[in-house]
Amino acid sequence: MEKQEKTKYKLAASVKECMKNTPVDKITVKDIVEGAGVARQTFYRNFLDKYDLINWYFDRLVLACFEEIGVSHTVEESLTQKLMFIQEEKSFFMGAFRSEDHNSLKEHDFELILRFYQDLIARKSSRPL
């Protein structure tokens, strides 16, 4: 894993730790960088804001399973895998999905789900019957 990727995971670990005691909307970038032991500029070199960090981490956790749908996993298997990831990262998801910000994980996940089903329909529609 490259250095920048390690830094991103370090920031993700810090925000997850912050989320154990603080609602996402109350967590500051200062809290995150202090927990990760990195400079504020390092945070902004990697992410636009805390929601960008949370969305990035979410993508790493669940998007890989969706790439396999129709290839080596069924829709049901991929959704089951997503739910298993959510269970394993329960405190992260509980905190992240409580945010009402317009950049929140709820909004990000909705967009991903919408795109996923649009792509799936497009793929299924282009197959000969």
N, C-alpha and C. Protein backbone atom coordinates (compact mmCIF):
# COMPACT_ATOMS: atom_id res chain seq x y z
N MET A 1 0.86 -1.18 0.00
CA MET A 1 0.00 0.00 0.00
C MET A 1 0.90 1.24 0.00
N GLU A 2 0.59 2.16 -0.86
CA GLU A 2 1.41 3.38 -0.97
C GLU A 2 1.17 4.31 0.21
N LYS A 3 2.10 5.25 0.39
CA LYS A 3 2.05 6.15 1.55
C LYS A 3 0.75 6.96 1.61
N GLN A 4 0.31 7.50 0.48
CA GLN A 4 -0.91 8.31 0.47
C GLN A 4 -2.12 7.47 0.88
N GLU A 5 -2.16 6.23 0.43
CA GLU A 5 -3.26 5.34 0.78
C GLU A 5 -3.23 5.04 2.29
N LYS A 6 -2.04 4.82 2.84
CA LYS A 6 -1.90 4.57 4.28
C LYS A 6 -2.39 5.78 5.07
N THR A 7 -2.05 6.97 4.59
CA THR A 7 -2.48 8.20 5.26
C THR A 7 -4.01 8.30 5.26
N LYS A 8 -4.63 7.96 4.15
CA LYS A 8 -6.09 8.00 4.07
C LYS A 8 -6.72 7.05 5.07
N TYR A 9 -6.17 5.85 5.18
CA TYR A 9 -6.71 4.89 6.14
C TYR A 9 -6.46 5.34 7.59
N LYS A 10 -5.36 6.01 7.82
CA LYS A 10 -5.07 6.55 9.15
C LYS A 10 -6.11 7.62 9.51
N LEU A 11 -6.44 8.47 8.55
CA LEU A 11 -7.48 9.49 8.77
C LEU A 11 -8.85 8.84 8.97
N ALA A 12 -9.12 7.79 8.22
CA ALA A 12 -10.39 7.06 8.38
C ALA A 12 -10.48 6.44 9.77
N ALA A 13 -9.39 5.86 10.24
CA ALA A 13 -9.38 5.28 11.59
C ALA A 13 -9.63 6.35 12.63
N SER A 14 -9.07 7.52 12.42
CA SER A 14 -9.27 8.62 13.37
C SER A 14 -10.71 9.10 13.38
N VAL A 15 -11.31 9.28 12.21
CA VAL A 15 -12.71 9.74 12.18
C VAL A 15 -13.62 8.67 12.79
N LYS A 16 -13.31 7.39 12.56
CA LYS A 16 -14.11 6.32 13.17
C LYS A 16 -14.01 6.38 14.69
N GLU A 17 -12.84 6.66 15.19
CA GLU A 17 -12.65 6.78 16.64
C GLU A 17 -13.44 7.97 17.18
N CYS A 18 -13.37 9.08 16.48
CA CYS A 18 -14.13 10.28 16.88
C CYS A 18 -15.63 9.99 16.92
N MET A 19 -16.10 9.19 15.97
CA MET A 19 -17.53 8.91 15.84
C MET A 19 -18.06 8.07 17.00
N LYS A 20 -17.17 7.45 17.77
CA LYS A 20 -17.63 6.65 18.91
C LYS A 20 -18.26 7.53 19.99
N ASN A 21 -17.82 8.80 20.07
CA ASN A 21 -18.30 9.67 21.14
C ASN A 21 -18.92 10.98 20.66
N THR A 22 -18.78 11.27 19.36
CA THR A 22 -19.22 12.56 18.84
C THR A 22 -20.01 12.37 17.55
N PRO A 23 -21.16 13.05 17.42
CA PRO A 23 -21.89 12.98 16.14
C PRO A 23 -21.03 13.53 15.00
N VAL A 24 -21.17 12.96 13.83
CA VAL A 24 -20.37 13.37 12.67
C VAL A 24 -20.40 14.88 12.45
N ASP A 25 -21.59 15.46 12.54
CA ASP A 25 -21.71 16.89 12.26
C ASP A 25 -20.95 17.76 13.26
N LYS A 26 -20.58 17.19 14.40
CA LYS A 26 -19.84 17.94 15.42
C LYS A 26 -18.33 17.68 15.37
N ILE A 27 -17.90 16.68 14.62
CA ILE A 27 -16.48 16.36 14.49
C ILE A 27 -15.82 17.40 13.61
N THR A 28 -14.66 17.86 14.01
CA THR A 28 -13.93 18.85 13.21
C THR A 28 -12.73 18.19 12.53
N VAL A 29 -12.23 18.85 11.51
CA VAL A 29 -11.02 18.38 10.85
C VAL A 29 -9.87 18.37 11.87
N LYS A 30 -9.86 19.33 12.75
CA LYS A 30 -8.84 19.38 13.81
C LYS A 30 -8.87 18.10 14.64
N ASP A 31 -10.08 17.66 15.03
CA ASP A 31 -10.21 16.41 15.79
C ASP A 31 -9.62 15.24 15.02
N ILE A 32 -9.91 15.19 13.74
CA ILE A 32 -9.47 14.07 12.90
C ILE A 32 -7.96 14.05 12.75
N VAL A 33 -7.37 15.20 12.43
CA VAL A 33 -5.91 15.22 12.21
C VAL A 33 -5.15 14.99 13.51
N GLU A 34 -5.68 15.49 14.62
CA GLU A 34 -5.02 15.24 15.91
C GLU A 34 -5.04 13.75 16.23
N GLY A 35 -6.16 13.10 15.98
CA GLY A 35 -6.26 11.67 16.22
C GLY A 35 -5.37 10.84 15.32
N ALA A 36 -5.17 11.33 14.10
CA ALA A 36 -4.34 10.61 13.12
C ALA A 36 -2.86 10.97 13.25
N GLY A 37 -2.58 12.06 13.95
CA GLY A 37 -1.19 12.48 14.10
C GLY A 37 -0.60 13.03 12.81
N VAL A 38 -1.43 13.72 12.02
CA VAL A 38 -0.95 14.31 10.77
C VAL A 38 -1.30 15.80 10.76
N ALA A 39 -0.68 16.52 9.84
CA ALA A 39 -0.93 17.95 9.71
C ALA A 39 -2.26 18.19 8.99
N ARG A 40 -2.85 19.31 9.27
CA ARG A 40 -4.12 19.71 8.64
C ARG A 40 -3.98 19.72 7.10
N GLN A 41 -2.84 20.18 6.61
CA GLN A 41 -2.63 20.23 5.15
C GLN A 41 -2.66 18.82 4.56
N THR A 42 -2.19 17.86 5.33
CA THR A 42 -2.22 16.48 4.85
C THR A 42 -3.65 16.04 4.62
N PHE A 43 -4.53 16.42 5.55
CA PHE A 43 -5.95 16.09 5.40
C PHE A 43 -6.47 16.67 4.10
N TYR A 44 -6.22 17.97 3.89
CA TYR A 44 -6.78 18.65 2.72
C TYR A 44 -6.09 18.26 1.41
N ARG A 45 -4.92 17.65 1.48
CA ARG A 45 -4.29 17.11 0.28
C ARG A 45 -5.03 15.85 -0.18
N ASN A 46 -5.72 15.21 0.75
CA ASN A 46 -6.39 13.96 0.46
C ASN A 46 -7.91 14.05 0.35
N PHE A 47 -8.50 14.98 1.08
CA PHE A 47 -9.96 15.07 1.13
C PHE A 47 -10.43 16.51 1.12
N LEU A 48 -11.64 16.73 0.60
CA LEU A 48 -12.23 18.07 0.58
C LEU A 48 -12.74 18.47 1.96
N ASP A 49 -13.35 17.50 2.66
CA ASP A 49 -13.89 17.75 3.99
C ASP A 49 -14.11 16.40 4.67
N LYS A 50 -14.65 16.42 5.89
CA LYS A 50 -14.84 15.16 6.63
C LYS A 50 -15.82 14.23 5.92
N TYR A 51 -16.78 14.79 5.22
CA TYR A 51 -17.75 13.96 4.51
C TYR A 51 -17.09 13.25 3.33
N ASP A 52 -16.17 13.93 2.67
CA ASP A 52 -15.40 13.32 1.59
C ASP A 52 -14.60 12.13 2.12
N LEU A 53 -14.00 12.28 3.29
CA LEU A 53 -13.27 11.20 3.95
C LEU A 53 -14.21 10.03 4.26
N ILE A 54 -15.34 10.32 4.87
CA ILE A 54 -16.30 9.28 5.23
C ILE A 54 -16.80 8.56 3.98
N ASN A 55 -17.10 9.31 2.94
CA ASN A 55 -17.58 8.70 1.69
C ASN A 55 -16.50 7.85 1.05
N TRP A 56 -15.24 8.32 1.10
CA TRP A 56 -14.12 7.55 0.56
C TRP A 56 -14.01 6.21 1.29
N TYR A 57 -14.08 6.25 2.60
CA TYR A 57 -13.96 5.02 3.39
C TYR A 57 -15.12 4.08 3.08
N PHE A 58 -16.31 4.62 3.00
CA PHE A 58 -17.49 3.83 2.64
C PHE A 58 -17.27 3.13 1.30
N ASP A 59 -16.78 3.88 0.32
CA ASP A 59 -16.52 3.30 -1.00
C ASP A 59 -15.56 2.12 -0.91
N ARG A 60 -14.53 2.27 -0.11
CA ARG A 60 -13.55 1.19 0.04
C ARG A 60 -14.19 -0.04 0.67
N LEU A 61 -15.12 0.18 1.57
CA LEU A 61 -15.75 -0.95 2.25
C LEU A 61 -16.74 -1.72 1.38
N VAL A 62 -17.51 -1.01 0.58
CA VAL A 62 -18.63 -1.70 -0.07
C VAL A 62 -18.61 -1.74 -1.60
N LEU A 63 -17.92 -0.87 -2.25
CA LEU A 63 -18.03 -0.85 -3.71
C LEU A 63 -17.42 -2.05 -4.41
N ALA A 64 -16.40 -2.63 -3.82
CA ALA A 64 -15.77 -3.78 -4.47
C ALA A 64 -16.77 -4.91 -4.69
N CYS A 65 -17.68 -5.11 -3.74
CA CYS A 65 -18.64 -6.21 -3.91
C CYS A 65 -19.59 -5.94 -5.07
N PHE A 66 -19.89 -4.67 -5.36
CA PHE A 66 -20.80 -4.36 -6.45
C PHE A 66 -20.15 -4.57 -7.82
N GLU A 67 -18.84 -4.47 -7.88
CA GLU A 67 -18.15 -4.65 -9.16
C GLU A 67 -18.29 -6.09 -9.67
N GLU A 68 -18.53 -7.01 -8.78
CA GLU A 68 -18.63 -8.42 -9.15
C GLU A 68 -20.03 -8.86 -9.55
N ILE A 69 -21.01 -7.97 -9.39
CA ILE A 69 -22.38 -8.35 -9.72
C ILE A 69 -22.49 -8.63 -11.22
N GLY A 70 -23.03 -9.77 -11.53
CA GLY A 70 -23.17 -10.17 -12.92
C GLY A 70 -21.90 -10.79 -13.47
N VAL A 71 -20.81 -10.72 -12.69
CA VAL A 71 -19.56 -11.33 -13.12
C VAL A 71 -19.36 -12.62 -12.33
N SER A 72 -19.16 -12.49 -11.01
CA SER A 72 -19.00 -13.69 -10.20
C SER A 72 -19.94 -13.73 -9.00
N HIS A 73 -20.73 -12.67 -8.81
CA HIS A 73 -21.70 -12.64 -7.72
C HIS A 73 -23.07 -12.21 -8.27
N THR A 74 -24.10 -12.76 -7.66
CA THR A 74 -25.44 -12.32 -8.01
C THR A 74 -25.73 -11.02 -7.26
N VAL A 75 -26.82 -10.35 -7.61
CA VAL A 75 -27.24 -9.15 -6.91
C VAL A 75 -27.46 -9.49 -5.43
N GLU A 76 -28.12 -10.60 -5.17
CA GLU A 76 -28.39 -11.01 -3.78
C GLU A 76 -27.09 -11.23 -3.00
N GLU A 77 -26.12 -11.92 -3.60
CA GLU A 77 -24.84 -12.16 -2.93
C GLU A 77 -24.12 -10.85 -2.64
N SER A 78 -24.15 -9.94 -3.58
CA SER A 78 -23.46 -8.66 -3.40
C SER A 78 -24.14 -7.81 -2.33
N LEU A 79 -25.47 -7.80 -2.30
CA LEU A 79 -26.18 -7.05 -1.28
C LEU A 79 -25.94 -7.67 0.10
N THR A 80 -25.88 -9.00 0.17
CA THR A 80 -25.58 -9.68 1.42
C THR A 80 -24.18 -9.30 1.89
N GLN A 81 -23.23 -9.26 0.97
CA GLN A 81 -21.86 -8.87 1.31
C GLN A 81 -21.82 -7.43 1.82
N LYS A 82 -22.58 -6.54 1.19
CA LYS A 82 -22.63 -5.15 1.64
C LYS A 82 -23.17 -5.09 3.06
N LEU A 83 -24.23 -5.83 3.34
CA LEU A 83 -24.80 -5.83 4.68
C LEU A 83 -23.84 -6.40 5.72
N MET A 84 -23.03 -7.39 5.32
CA MET A 84 -22.03 -7.94 6.23
C MET A 84 -20.97 -6.89 6.54
N PHE A 85 -20.55 -6.12 5.53
CA PHE A 85 -19.59 -5.04 5.75
C PHE A 85 -20.18 -4.02 6.73
N ILE A 86 -21.44 -3.72 6.54
CA ILE A 86 -22.10 -2.74 7.41
C ILE A 86 -22.13 -3.27 8.85
N GLN A 87 -22.42 -4.53 9.04
CA GLN A 87 -22.44 -5.11 10.39
C GLN A 87 -21.05 -5.05 11.03
N GLU A 88 -20.01 -5.37 10.26
CA GLU A 88 -18.64 -5.33 10.79
C GLU A 88 -18.21 -3.92 11.17
N GLU A 89 -18.71 -2.93 10.46
CA GLU A 89 -18.34 -1.53 10.69
C GLU A 89 -19.53 -0.76 11.29
N LYS A 90 -20.30 -1.45 12.12
CA LYS A 90 -21.55 -0.93 12.66
C LYS A 90 -21.42 0.48 13.25
N SER A 91 -20.44 0.74 14.09
CA SER A 91 -20.34 2.06 14.73
C SER A 91 -20.04 3.15 13.70
N PHE A 92 -19.24 2.82 12.69
CA PHE A 92 -18.96 3.79 11.62
C PHE A 92 -20.25 4.14 10.89
N PHE A 93 -20.99 3.12 10.47
CA PHE A 93 -22.20 3.37 9.69
C PHE A 93 -23.29 4.05 10.51
N MET A 94 -23.43 3.65 11.77
CA MET A 94 -24.44 4.29 12.62
C MET A 94 -24.17 5.79 12.74
N GLY A 95 -22.92 6.14 12.96
CA GLY A 95 -22.58 7.54 13.07
C GLY A 95 -22.70 8.27 11.74
N ALA A 96 -22.19 7.66 10.70
CA ALA A 96 -22.16 8.31 9.38
C ALA A 96 -23.56 8.53 8.82
N PHE A 97 -24.45 7.56 8.99
CA PHE A 97 -25.79 7.69 8.43
C PHE A 97 -26.70 8.61 9.24
N ARG A 98 -26.27 9.01 10.42
CA ARG A 98 -27.07 9.94 11.22
C ARG A 98 -26.92 11.38 10.75
N SER A 99 -25.88 11.68 10.02
CA SER A 99 -25.64 13.04 9.56
C SER A 99 -26.70 13.46 8.56
N GLU A 100 -27.13 14.71 8.68
CA GLU A 100 -28.13 15.26 7.77
C GLU A 100 -27.52 16.24 6.77
N ASP A 101 -26.20 16.41 6.80
CA ASP A 101 -25.53 17.34 5.90
C ASP A 101 -25.77 16.94 4.45
N HIS A 102 -25.76 17.92 3.55
CA HIS A 102 -26.00 17.62 2.13
C HIS A 102 -24.86 16.81 1.51
N ASN A 103 -23.70 16.74 2.16
CA ASN A 103 -22.58 15.92 1.69
C ASN A 103 -22.50 14.59 2.43
N SER A 104 -23.53 14.26 3.18
CA SER A 104 -23.49 13.10 4.07
C SER A 104 -23.41 11.78 3.32
N LEU A 105 -23.14 10.75 4.08
CA LEU A 105 -23.08 9.40 3.53
C LEU A 105 -24.43 8.96 2.99
N LYS A 106 -25.52 9.40 3.61
CA LYS A 106 -26.86 9.05 3.09
C LYS A 106 -26.99 9.49 1.64
N GLU A 107 -26.61 10.72 1.37
CA GLU A 107 -26.71 11.26 0.01
C GLU A 107 -25.76 10.51 -0.93
N HIS A 108 -24.56 10.28 -0.48
CA HIS A 108 -23.56 9.57 -1.28
C HIS A 108 -24.04 8.16 -1.61
N ASP A 109 -24.55 7.46 -0.61
CA ASP A 109 -25.02 6.09 -0.82
C ASP A 109 -26.21 6.07 -1.78
N PHE A 110 -27.12 7.02 -1.63
CA PHE A 110 -28.26 7.10 -2.54
C PHE A 110 -27.78 7.23 -3.98
N GLU A 111 -26.81 8.12 -4.21
CA GLU A 111 -26.28 8.31 -5.57
C GLU A 111 -25.62 7.04 -6.10
N LEU A 112 -24.88 6.35 -5.24
CA LEU A 112 -24.23 5.10 -5.67
C LEU A 112 -25.26 4.04 -6.02
N ILE A 113 -26.29 3.91 -5.20
CA ILE A 113 -27.33 2.92 -5.46
C ILE A 113 -28.06 3.24 -6.76
N LEU A 114 -28.37 4.50 -6.95
CA LEU A 114 -29.05 4.92 -8.17
C LEU A 114 -28.19 4.58 -9.40
N ARG A 115 -26.91 4.97 -9.35
CA ARG A 115 -26.00 4.67 -10.48
C ARG A 115 -25.86 3.17 -10.71
N PHE A 116 -25.76 2.42 -9.61
CA PHE A 116 -25.62 0.98 -9.72
C PHE A 116 -26.79 0.37 -10.49
N TYR A 117 -28.01 0.72 -10.08
CA TYR A 117 -29.18 0.13 -10.74
C TYR A 117 -29.35 0.66 -12.17
N GLN A 118 -28.98 1.89 -12.42
CA GLN A 118 -29.03 2.39 -13.80
C GLN A 118 -28.06 1.61 -14.68
N ASP A 119 -26.85 1.37 -14.17
CA ASP A 119 -25.87 0.59 -14.94
C ASP A 119 -26.32 -0.85 -15.12
N LEU A 120 -26.88 -1.44 -14.07
CA LEU A 120 -27.35 -2.82 -14.15
C LEU A 120 -28.47 -2.95 -15.18
N ILE A 121 -29.40 -2.02 -15.18
CA ILE A 121 -30.49 -2.03 -16.16
C ILE A 121 -29.94 -1.85 -17.57
N ALA A 122 -28.98 -0.95 -17.72
CA ALA A 122 -28.37 -0.73 -19.04
C ALA A 122 -27.68 -1.99 -19.53
N ARG A 123 -26.95 -2.68 -18.63
CA ARG A 123 -26.27 -3.92 -19.01
C ARG A 123 -27.27 -5.00 -19.38
N LYS A 124 -28.32 -5.13 -18.58
CA LYS A 124 -29.32 -6.17 -18.85
C LYS A 124 -30.10 -5.87 -20.13
N SER A 125 -30.33 -4.58 -20.39
CA SER A 125 -31.08 -4.18 -21.58
C SER A 125 -30.31 -4.40 -22.86
N SER A 126 -28.98 -4.36 -22.76
CA SER A 126 -28.16 -4.49 -23.97
C SER A 126 -27.88 -5.94 -24.32
N ARG A 127 -28.23 -6.88 -23.44
CA ARG A 127 -28.05 -8.30 -23.73
C ARG A 127 -29.15 -8.80 -24.65
N PRO A 128 -28.80 -9.65 -25.59
CA PRO A 128 -29.84 -10.26 -26.42
C PRO A 128 -30.68 -11.22 -25.59
N LEU A 129 -31.97 -11.27 -25.89
CA LEU A 129 -32.87 -12.16 -25.15
C LEU A 129 -32.81 -13.56 -25.63
